[in-house]
Amino acid sequence: MAFETPHLELGGQQVREMFRQRFGASPSVFRAPGRINIIGEHTDYNDGFVLPMAIQSCTWIAVSRREDRVLQAYSEQFDDPVHLSLDNLSGPPTRHWSDFVRGVAAVLQNCGMALRGANFAIRSDVPIGAGLSSSASLEVSLALAMASVACSAVPQLNLAKLCQEAEHKYVGTRCGIMDQFVAVFGKAGCALLLDCRSLQKELIPIPPKLCFVAVNTMVRHELSSSEYNLRRTDCAAAVKALQSVLPNIQSLRDVGWEKLKQNKSALPEKVYRRCRHVVGENGRVLAAVRALRSEDPGELGRLMYESHASLRDDYEVSCRELDLLVDLASSRPGVFGARMMGGGFGGCTINLVHPDSVNAFRSDVSRLYKEQTGIMPETYICEPGEGAGAWAAENHLQT
C-alpha cells in the first residue's frame, strides 16, 4: 500500500463531519502533525541534537464542550469509545489508547488549567506503530482541543513539555522531547535542528531536489518499548560511571570522542558501545545540517547509512526487517541514503531519494521486500509540513 500526501482541507472536513454524525453538534477542529527524523536517534534523552521534520500527515480532533465533567472520545482508528471523568484521572498506564486522553487531561489539570467536559472525534492519517510519531501527534492535538474548550492557551514550549510528561507518566514511555517539540514547532519546507538541552531550535530549509520516503516494515517486535527504556537506563549508568573520572559532565552530550576513548575502561563493553553511538550520532546530526545547507545529498546519505550501522551494531535497536529494507534501498538507483528511524525493533526506515527515482524506488523496494518476507510494506512520501494549530472552517490553518 502506498501512502500519498494528505490534503489538509480534506482531513479537517472529514473529522468535522464525523463529529457531527456522532455527536450532532458543530465542533472546533485542531490538528498536529506526525514527523520523520532525518538523523539523530536516541540522542534527545541524552541532551543531544536531533534533526526532525514535521510532515503533512496529521491527527485531527473535532471537539465541543459538554455541560458535565466527562471526556467522551471516539477514535476512528480504534473504534473503542472512551468515557472518562475529569475527577478520576489518576492511575498507572493501562496500555489502552485512553491513556493518551487521560494523560493529557491530567497534566493540564495538574498545571492549573480548569478543564471542562468535552466530546472528541479523532481521525488520523499518521500510521500507528510506524515510527512517525502518531503518539505525539495525538497528544498535542488533544492538548490544543482541551485548552480551547477551557478557554485557555498554553505557550508552545509548555505545550510540548506537558505532552511529553503525559507520555512519561500515563502512557509509560520515557520519550525525549523531540516528537512533541517538532509537532508544535514544525515549519513547512524545513527541518528543525533542536538542541535537546537548551531547547534552542533552528529551521533548516529542505532543498527541493531531495525527497524523503518512509518505508514501513509492518512489524513491531514486542520488546520495542521495554528495550527503549533499557537503553535510557544504559545511558544513565554510563553518565554515573564516567562522572567518577569526568566530574563536570551532566549527560552524554558532554562526552566527546576523545574523552570517551580515553575512559573506555570505566565502562562495561555494552555500555561503552551505547555511548559510542550517542556521541557519534550527535556529530552526525551537525554534519547533516552542513550537508543540507550545502545541498549535498551524497554526504547526507552517507551519514544516514552510518547512523543505521551504529544503531544496528552499537545501540542494538534494529531488526532483520529494518536491516533488509536498508540493504534493498542501498542498491536502488537514485537513493542517496537510508536508515532505521524511531525507537527501533520495527517501524520505518527513512530514505533519501532523488525525486525522479521515487516511483521506481517505491515499487522495487515493495516488491523485493515482499519476496523476501512475505509482507507488503507501506511507503509514505514525507513532505515537510506545518506545526500544530487550529483548522478554520474556511479551509485554512490558523497556527
Protein backbone atom coordinates (compact mmCIF):
# COMPACT_ATOMS: atom_id res chain seq x y z
CA MET A 1 0.00 0.00 0.00
CA ALA A 2 1.34 3.41 -0.93
CA PHE A 3 0.52 6.47 1.13
CA GLU A 4 0.14 9.78 -0.68
CA THR A 5 0.44 13.26 0.81
CA PRO A 6 -2.89 14.04 2.53
CA HIS A 7 -4.89 17.16 1.79
CA LEU A 8 -5.12 19.32 4.90
CA GLU A 9 -8.51 20.72 3.93
CA LEU A 10 -9.95 17.23 3.41
CA GLY A 11 -8.74 16.00 6.80
CA GLY A 12 -10.44 18.85 8.62
CA GLN A 13 -13.67 18.39 6.70
CA GLN A 14 -13.74 14.65 7.34
CA VAL A 15 -13.26 14.84 11.09
CA ARG A 16 -15.80 17.64 11.38
CA GLU A 17 -18.39 15.57 9.53
CA MET A 18 -17.56 12.51 11.62
CA PHE A 19 -18.14 14.55 14.76
CA ARG A 20 -21.47 15.89 13.55
CA GLN A 21 -22.71 12.40 12.75
CA ARG A 22 -21.67 11.04 16.15
CA PHE A 23 -22.44 13.95 18.46
CA GLY A 24 -24.90 16.07 16.49
CA ALA A 25 -23.10 19.36 17.06
CA SER A 26 -20.79 21.76 15.24
CA PRO A 27 -17.22 21.38 16.56
CA SER A 28 -13.95 23.26 16.57
CA VAL A 29 -11.12 21.38 14.84
CA PHE A 30 -7.43 21.09 15.74
CA ARG A 31 -4.55 19.25 14.15
CA ALA A 32 -0.97 18.24 14.92
CA PRO A 33 1.49 16.61 12.51
CA GLY A 34 3.47 13.44 12.60
CA ARG A 35 7.18 13.63 11.91
CA ILE A 36 10.16 11.94 10.40
CA ASN A 37 13.59 12.17 11.95
CA ILE A 38 16.22 12.73 9.29
CA ILE A 39 19.01 11.84 11.70
CA GLY A 40 19.67 11.93 15.43
CA GLU A 41 18.26 8.76 17.02
CA HIS A 42 18.34 8.17 20.78
CA THR A 43 20.19 11.44 21.29
CA ASP A 44 17.26 13.52 22.56
CA TYR A 45 17.09 11.97 26.03
CA ASN A 46 20.88 12.37 26.24
CA ASP A 47 20.67 16.19 25.90
CA GLY A 48 21.96 15.90 22.34
CA PHE A 49 20.99 17.11 18.86
CA VAL A 50 18.22 15.90 16.57
CA LEU A 51 17.08 16.84 13.07
CA PRO A 52 13.37 16.03 12.72
CA MET A 53 10.85 17.35 10.22
CA ALA A 54 7.10 17.74 10.69
CA ILE A 55 5.17 16.05 7.89
CA GLN A 56 1.83 16.77 6.30
CA SER A 57 0.17 13.69 7.81
CA CYS A 58 -1.79 14.79 10.89
CA THR A 59 -4.01 13.77 13.76
CA TRP A 60 -7.26 15.71 13.56
CA ILE A 61 -9.52 16.33 16.55
CA ALA A 62 -13.02 17.81 16.45
CA VAL A 63 -14.26 18.98 19.84
CA SER A 64 -17.21 20.65 21.53
CA ARG A 65 -17.98 21.42 25.14
CA ARG A 66 -20.18 19.35 27.44
CA GLU A 67 -22.03 20.62 30.47
CA ASP A 68 -20.70 17.91 32.79
CA ARG A 69 -17.15 16.87 33.74
CA VAL A 70 -16.90 13.98 31.32
CA LEU A 71 -14.48 13.48 28.46
CA GLN A 72 -16.04 11.35 25.76
CA ALA A 73 -13.72 10.47 22.89
CA TYR A 74 -14.17 8.42 19.75
CA SER A 75 -11.24 7.47 17.52
CA GLU A 76 -11.86 6.24 14.00
CA GLN A 77 -8.68 4.16 14.18
CA PHE A 78 -9.51 2.31 17.39
CA ASP A 79 -13.34 2.21 17.23
CA ASP A 80 -13.36 1.82 21.02
CA PRO A 81 -15.03 4.86 22.66
CA VAL A 82 -13.51 6.39 25.78
CA HIS A 83 -15.56 7.77 28.68
CA LEU A 84 -13.55 9.48 31.44
CA SER A 85 -14.34 11.68 34.41
CA LEU A 86 -12.17 14.74 34.94
CA ASP A 87 -12.38 13.93 38.65
CA ASN A 88 -10.80 10.48 38.27
CA LEU A 89 -7.73 10.62 36.05
CA SER A 90 -5.08 9.02 38.27
CA GLY A 91 -3.58 5.59 37.85
CA PRO A 92 -0.76 3.79 36.05
CA PRO A 93 -0.64 3.10 32.30
CA THR A 94 -3.28 0.63 31.12
CA ARG A 95 -1.91 0.05 27.59
CA HIS A 96 -5.22 1.30 26.19
CA TRP A 97 -5.43 4.28 23.86
CA SER A 98 -7.43 6.11 26.53
CA ASP A 99 -4.12 6.63 28.38
CA PHE A 100 -3.38 9.45 25.94
CA VAL A 101 -6.66 11.23 26.63
CA ARG A 102 -6.38 10.66 30.37
CA GLY A 103 -2.72 11.67 30.50
CA VAL A 104 -3.09 14.92 28.57
CA ALA A 105 -6.12 15.91 30.65
CA ALA A 106 -4.32 15.07 33.89
CA VAL A 107 -1.18 17.09 33.17
CA LEU A 108 -3.23 20.09 32.03
CA GLN A 109 -5.31 19.97 35.21
CA ASN A 110 -2.24 19.49 37.36
CA CYS A 111 -0.69 22.65 35.96
CA GLY A 112 -3.78 24.64 36.94
CA MET A 113 -5.97 24.60 33.83
CA ALA A 114 -9.70 24.48 34.64
CA LEU A 115 -10.74 21.80 32.17
CA ARG A 116 -14.35 21.36 31.07
CA GLY A 117 -16.15 18.28 29.89
CA ALA A 118 -15.93 17.71 26.15
CA ASN A 119 -16.78 15.41 23.26
CA PHE A 120 -13.99 14.49 20.86
CA ALA A 121 -13.86 12.83 17.46
CA ILE A 122 -10.37 11.78 16.38
CA ARG A 123 -9.14 10.94 12.93
CA SER A 124 -5.51 10.43 11.92
CA ASP A 125 -3.55 9.73 8.78
CA VAL A 126 -0.34 9.21 10.79
CA PRO A 127 0.22 5.43 10.75
CA ILE A 128 0.33 3.84 14.21
CA GLY A 129 3.49 1.92 15.10
CA ALA A 130 5.42 3.15 12.08
CA GLY A 131 7.81 5.47 13.93
CA LEU A 132 6.17 8.60 12.51
CA SER A 133 5.18 9.85 15.97
CA SER A 134 1.47 9.16 15.99
CA SER A 135 1.59 9.39 19.80
CA ALA A 136 2.93 12.95 19.98
CA SER A 137 0.60 13.98 17.17
CA LEU A 138 -2.36 12.75 19.21
CA GLU A 139 -1.11 14.28 22.47
CA VAL A 140 -0.53 17.74 21.03
CA SER A 141 -3.83 17.88 19.17
CA LEU A 142 -5.67 16.70 22.30
CA ALA A 143 -3.98 19.37 24.40
CA LEU A 144 -4.97 22.11 21.96
CA ALA A 145 -8.56 20.87 21.88
CA MET A 146 -8.86 20.62 25.66
CA ALA A 147 -7.33 24.05 26.19
CA SER A 148 -9.75 25.55 23.68
CA VAL A 149 -12.79 24.13 25.50
CA ALA A 150 -11.34 25.52 28.74
CA CYS A 151 -10.93 28.94 27.06
CA SER A 152 -7.23 28.74 27.88
CA ALA A 153 -3.99 28.87 25.94
CA VAL A 154 -0.73 27.06 26.55
CA PRO A 155 2.60 28.61 25.46
CA GLN A 156 4.14 26.48 22.73
CA LEU A 157 7.14 25.26 24.70
CA ASN A 158 4.97 24.39 27.69
CA LEU A 159 2.65 22.52 25.35
CA ALA A 160 5.48 20.28 24.15
CA LYS A 161 6.75 19.68 27.70
CA LEU A 162 3.31 18.86 29.08
CA CYS A 163 2.61 16.37 26.32
CA GLN A 164 5.97 14.72 26.96
CA GLU A 165 5.05 14.48 30.64
CA ALA A 166 1.74 12.83 29.74
CA GLU A 167 3.57 10.16 27.75
CA HIS A 168 6.04 9.55 30.57
CA LYS A 169 3.53 9.26 33.41
CA TYR A 170 0.37 7.93 31.80
CA VAL A 171 1.49 6.04 28.68
CA GLY A 172 4.68 4.68 30.21
CA THR A 173 7.22 5.59 27.53
CA ARG A 174 10.13 7.67 28.75
CA CYS A 175 10.48 9.52 25.47
CA GLY A 176 12.68 12.53 24.83
CA ILE A 177 11.24 15.91 23.88
CA MET A 178 11.82 15.66 20.13
CA ASP A 179 8.47 14.29 18.94
CA GLN A 180 6.27 16.71 20.86
CA PHE A 181 8.59 19.62 20.09
CA VAL A 182 8.50 19.20 16.33
CA ALA A 183 4.74 18.58 16.39
CA VAL A 184 4.41 22.05 17.93
CA PHE A 185 7.19 23.99 16.20
CA GLY A 186 7.45 22.33 12.77
CA LYS A 187 7.53 24.57 9.71
CA ALA A 188 6.55 23.77 6.12
CA GLY A 189 9.58 23.42 3.84
CA CYS A 190 12.04 22.98 6.70
CA ALA A 191 13.67 20.50 9.01
CA LEU A 192 14.25 21.57 12.60
CA LEU A 193 17.65 21.38 14.29
CA LEU A 194 16.92 21.02 18.00
CA ASP A 195 19.38 21.24 20.86
CA CYS A 196 17.64 18.99 23.37
CA ARG A 197 19.47 20.54 26.32
CA SER A 198 18.80 24.23 25.73
CA LEU A 199 15.70 23.60 23.56
CA GLN A 200 17.07 26.14 21.13
CA LYS A 201 15.87 25.47 17.61
CA GLU A 202 16.89 26.45 14.09
CA LEU A 203 14.91 25.94 10.91
CA ILE A 204 16.92 24.25 8.15
CA PRO A 205 15.42 24.56 4.64
CA ILE A 206 14.99 21.30 2.72
CA PRO A 207 16.39 21.60 -0.83
CA PRO A 208 13.68 20.89 -3.42
CA LYS A 209 15.80 18.27 -5.18
CA LEU A 210 15.53 15.97 -2.15
CA CYS A 211 12.67 13.66 -1.28
CA PHE A 212 12.21 11.66 1.90
CA VAL A 213 10.34 8.37 1.64
CA ALA A 214 9.46 6.30 4.71
CA VAL A 215 9.06 2.55 4.22
CA ASN A 216 7.12 0.66 6.87
CA THR A 217 8.35 -2.83 7.76
CA MET A 218 4.81 -3.58 9.01
CA VAL A 219 6.33 -5.27 12.06
CA ARG A 220 6.60 -4.12 15.63
CA HIS A 221 8.51 -6.52 17.86
CA GLU A 222 7.18 -6.78 21.40
CA LEU A 223 10.45 -5.81 23.07
CA SER A 224 10.46 -2.34 21.48
CA SER A 225 9.05 -0.44 24.47
CA SER A 226 10.97 -2.30 27.17
CA GLU A 227 14.25 -2.14 25.26
CA TYR A 228 13.80 1.59 24.66
CA ASN A 229 13.62 2.16 28.41
CA LEU A 230 16.62 -0.13 28.95
CA ARG A 231 18.69 1.99 26.56
CA ARG A 232 17.88 5.03 28.67
CA THR A 233 19.00 3.09 31.73
CA ASP A 234 22.28 2.15 30.00
CA CYS A 235 22.95 5.79 29.17
CA ALA A 236 22.22 6.94 32.71
CA ALA A 237 24.57 4.25 34.05
CA ALA A 238 27.27 5.44 31.66
CA VAL A 239 27.00 9.02 32.88
CA LYS A 240 27.19 7.90 36.51
CA ALA A 241 30.28 5.79 35.82
CA LEU A 242 32.01 8.49 33.79
CA GLN A 243 31.36 11.14 36.43
CA SER A 244 33.91 9.38 38.64
CA VAL A 245 36.61 10.46 36.16
CA LEU A 246 34.81 13.36 34.43
CA PRO A 247 33.01 15.07 37.33
CA ASN A 248 31.77 18.01 35.26
CA ILE A 249 29.65 16.04 32.81
CA GLN A 250 25.87 16.07 33.16
CA SER A 251 24.93 13.80 30.26
CA LEU A 252 26.46 12.01 27.28
CA ARG A 253 26.12 15.33 25.44
CA ASP A 254 29.21 16.44 27.37
CA VAL A 255 31.34 13.46 26.35
CA GLY A 256 33.25 13.87 23.09
CA TRP A 257 35.10 11.20 21.15
CA GLU A 258 38.45 11.72 22.85
CA LYS A 259 37.05 11.70 26.38
CA LEU A 260 35.04 8.59 25.61
CA LYS A 261 38.01 6.67 24.18
CA GLN A 262 40.31 7.78 27.00
CA ASN A 263 37.87 6.48 29.62
CA LYS A 264 36.67 3.33 27.92
CA SER A 265 37.95 1.19 30.81
CA ALA A 266 35.46 2.88 33.17
CA LEU A 267 32.56 1.32 31.28
CA PRO A 268 31.29 -2.20 30.60
CA GLU A 269 31.70 -3.10 26.93
CA LYS A 270 27.97 -2.97 26.19
CA VAL A 271 27.55 0.41 27.85
CA TYR A 272 30.62 1.75 26.03
CA ARG A 273 29.01 0.82 22.70
CA ARG A 274 25.82 2.62 23.70
CA CYS A 275 27.92 5.72 24.40
CA ARG A 276 29.79 5.34 21.13
CA HIS A 277 26.51 5.52 19.25
CA VAL A 278 25.23 8.60 21.10
CA VAL A 279 28.50 10.53 20.78
CA GLY A 280 28.84 9.64 17.10
CA GLU A 281 25.19 10.41 16.35
CA ASN A 282 25.47 13.91 17.80
CA GLY A 283 28.32 14.59 15.42
CA ARG A 284 26.37 13.15 12.50
CA VAL A 285 23.43 15.48 13.18
CA LEU A 286 25.60 18.58 12.97
CA ALA A 287 27.34 17.24 9.86
CA ALA A 288 23.92 16.56 8.30
CA VAL A 289 22.91 20.19 8.83
CA ARG A 290 26.04 21.26 6.94
CA ALA A 291 25.17 18.83 4.14
CA LEU A 292 21.63 20.24 3.84
CA ARG A 293 22.92 23.81 3.79
CA SER A 294 25.40 22.97 1.05
CA GLU A 295 22.76 20.90 -0.80
CA ASP A 296 24.98 17.82 -0.76
CA PRO A 297 22.67 14.76 -0.83
CA GLY A 298 25.58 12.36 -1.19
CA GLU A 299 27.09 13.45 2.11
CA LEU A 300 23.73 13.45 3.87
CA GLY A 301 23.07 9.95 2.57
CA ARG A 302 26.46 8.72 3.76
CA LEU A 303 25.68 9.99 7.26
CA MET A 304 22.32 8.22 7.21
CA TYR A 305 23.97 4.90 6.35
CA GLU A 306 26.49 5.44 9.16
CA SER A 307 23.66 6.18 11.56
CA HIS A 308 21.94 2.93 10.70
CA ALA A 309 25.11 0.88 11.15
CA SER A 310 25.64 2.46 14.57
CA LEU A 311 22.04 1.85 15.63
CA ARG A 312 22.32 -1.75 14.45
CA ASP A 313 25.73 -2.64 15.88
CA ASP A 314 26.36 -0.36 18.87
CA TYR A 315 22.88 0.56 20.11
CA GLU A 316 21.36 -2.76 19.01
CA VAL A 317 17.87 -1.46 18.28
CA SER A 318 17.47 -2.61 14.69
CA CYS A 319 15.92 -5.87 13.49
CA ARG A 320 16.08 -8.17 10.47
CA GLU A 321 13.30 -6.35 8.61
CA LEU A 322 14.81 -2.89 9.08
CA ASP A 323 18.25 -4.11 8.02
CA LEU A 324 16.73 -5.72 4.92
CA LEU A 325 14.99 -2.50 3.86
CA VAL A 326 18.21 -0.51 4.25
CA ASP A 327 20.12 -3.10 2.21
CA LEU A 328 17.48 -3.05 -0.53
CA ALA A 329 17.48 0.74 -0.65
CA SER A 330 21.26 0.92 -0.90
CA SER A 331 21.19 -0.91 -4.24
CA ARG A 332 18.41 1.15 -5.84
CA PRO A 333 19.17 3.89 -8.38
CA GLY A 334 18.65 7.43 -7.14
CA VAL A 335 18.87 6.54 -3.44
CA PHE A 336 21.40 8.65 -1.54
CA GLY A 337 20.94 7.14 1.92
CA ALA A 338 18.71 5.10 4.22
CA ARG A 339 18.47 4.20 7.89
CA MET A 340 16.09 2.90 10.50
CA MET A 341 14.04 5.60 12.20
CA GLY A 342 12.48 5.80 15.65
CA GLY A 343 12.93 3.71 18.76
CA GLY A 344 13.72 0.57 16.81
CA PHE A 345 12.69 -3.11 16.54
CA GLY A 346 10.30 -2.37 13.70
CA GLY A 347 8.53 0.61 12.24
CA CYS A 348 10.00 2.55 9.34
CA THR A 349 13.17 3.26 7.51
CA ILE A 350 13.69 6.77 6.16
CA ASN A 351 15.17 7.01 2.69
CA LEU A 352 16.71 9.98 0.89
CA VAL A 353 15.74 9.65 -2.77
CA HIS A 354 16.09 11.78 -5.88
CA PRO A 355 12.58 12.97 -6.89
CA ASP A 356 12.90 11.37 -10.34
CA SER A 357 13.55 7.97 -8.74
CA VAL A 358 10.78 7.94 -6.12
CA ASN A 359 8.18 5.91 -8.04
CA ALA A 360 10.64 3.23 -9.12
CA PHE A 361 12.11 3.10 -5.62
CA ARG A 362 8.72 2.53 -4.00
CA SER A 363 7.79 -0.15 -6.49
CA ASP A 364 11.11 -2.01 -6.41
CA VAL A 365 11.57 -1.99 -2.65
CA SER A 366 7.98 -3.07 -2.02
CA ARG A 367 8.31 -5.98 -4.44
CA LEU A 368 11.70 -7.16 -3.18
CA TYR A 369 10.73 -6.85 0.50
CA LYS A 370 7.57 -8.88 -0.08
CA GLU A 371 9.53 -11.53 -1.96
CA GLN A 372 11.90 -11.97 0.99
CA THR A 373 9.50 -11.58 3.92
CA GLY A 374 6.03 -12.31 2.61
CA ILE A 375 4.98 -8.86 3.88
CA MET A 376 3.86 -5.99 1.67
CA PRO A 377 5.32 -2.78 3.13
CA GLU A 378 3.66 0.61 3.07
CA THR A 379 5.55 3.58 1.65
CA TYR A 380 4.97 7.21 2.54
CA ILE A 381 6.24 10.26 0.70
CA CYS A 382 7.03 12.69 3.53
CA GLU A 383 6.74 16.37 2.67
CA PRO A 384 7.73 18.95 5.31
CA GLY A 385 4.59 20.25 6.99
CA GLU A 386 3.41 22.89 9.43
CA GLY A 387 3.29 22.54 13.20
CA ALA A 388 0.12 22.16 15.26
CA GLY A 389 -2.77 24.57 15.18
CA ALA A 390 -6.47 25.19 14.74
CA TRP A 391 -8.25 24.44 11.48
CA ALA A 392 -10.67 27.07 10.28
CA ALA A 393 -13.92 26.26 8.55
CA GLU A 394 -12.80 28.43 5.64
CA ASN A 395 -10.28 25.69 4.81
CA HIS A 396 -7.10 27.30 6.03
CA LEU A 397 -4.87 26.79 9.05
CA GLN A 398 -4.53 29.15 11.95
CA THR A 399 -1.32 28.50 13.91
